[in-house]
Structure formats: structure tokens, C-alpha cells
Amino acid sequence: MRNYNRKLLKRRVISPCVSYGEWEGRLKRRCSHVFNILNNN
């Protein structure tokens, strides 16, 4: 499941964050972390 989520994040960064919004705690943190990496690069 992790690899699948990673592929989704690479293609569409916002979509996975929104679709997995149910997991607001962990997912939001992970998404923001990914956003930071993408923004830095």
C-alpha cells in the first residue's frame, strides 16, 4: 500500500491527500511533508 500511495503522490499530489482525508491525522502530516519536499526541489 505504501508504494501505491507513493506512485499516486508522484502523479497527483493533491488528490491522494483529499481522497484519504478520512485519515486526517496521519495523512495530513504525510501530505504536508511531501509538499515540503516538492516545494524545496
Protein backbone atom coordinates (compact mmCIF):
# COMPACT_ATOMS: atom_id res chain seq x y z
CA MET A 1 0.00 0.00 0.00
CA ARG A 2 2.88 2.38 0.73
CA ASN A 3 4.33 2.03 -2.77
CA TYR A 4 0.88 2.53 -4.29
CA ASN A 5 0.37 5.74 -2.31
CA ARG A 6 3.83 6.94 -3.32
CA LYS A 7 3.04 6.45 -7.01
CA LEU A 8 -0.20 8.38 -6.56
CA LEU A 9 1.62 11.19 -4.78
CA LYS A 10 4.10 11.42 -7.65
CA ARG A 11 1.33 11.70 -10.27
CA ARG A 12 -1.21 13.75 -8.34
CA VAL A 13 -0.03 15.24 -5.08
CA ILE A 14 -3.29 16.88 -4.03
CA SER A 15 -5.69 14.06 -4.98
CA PRO A 16 -4.38 11.44 -2.51
CA CYS A 17 -4.38 13.99 0.30
CA VAL A 18 -8.01 14.85 -0.39
CA SER A 19 -9.22 11.30 -1.03
CA TYR A 20 -7.53 9.99 2.11
CA GLY A 21 -8.80 12.99 4.10
CA GLU A 22 -10.59 10.46 6.35
CA TRP A 23 -7.19 9.74 7.94
CA GLU A 24 -6.81 13.43 8.76
CA GLY A 25 -4.22 12.79 11.50
CA ARG A 26 -1.52 10.74 9.76
CA LEU A 27 -2.33 11.51 6.13
CA LYS A 28 -2.35 15.29 6.52
CA ARG A 29 1.06 15.14 8.17
CA ARG A 30 2.43 12.90 5.42
CA CYS A 31 0.95 15.06 2.70
CA SER A 32 2.39 18.26 4.15
CA HIS A 33 5.76 16.51 4.40
CA VAL A 34 5.55 15.55 0.72
CA PHE A 35 4.50 19.09 -0.20
CA ASN A 36 7.55 20.46 1.62
CA ILE A 37 9.87 18.11 -0.29
CA LEU A 38 8.28 19.02 -3.62
CA ASN A 39 8.45 22.72 -2.84
CA ASN A 40 12.10 22.52 -1.80
CA ASN A 41 13.05 20.72 -5.00
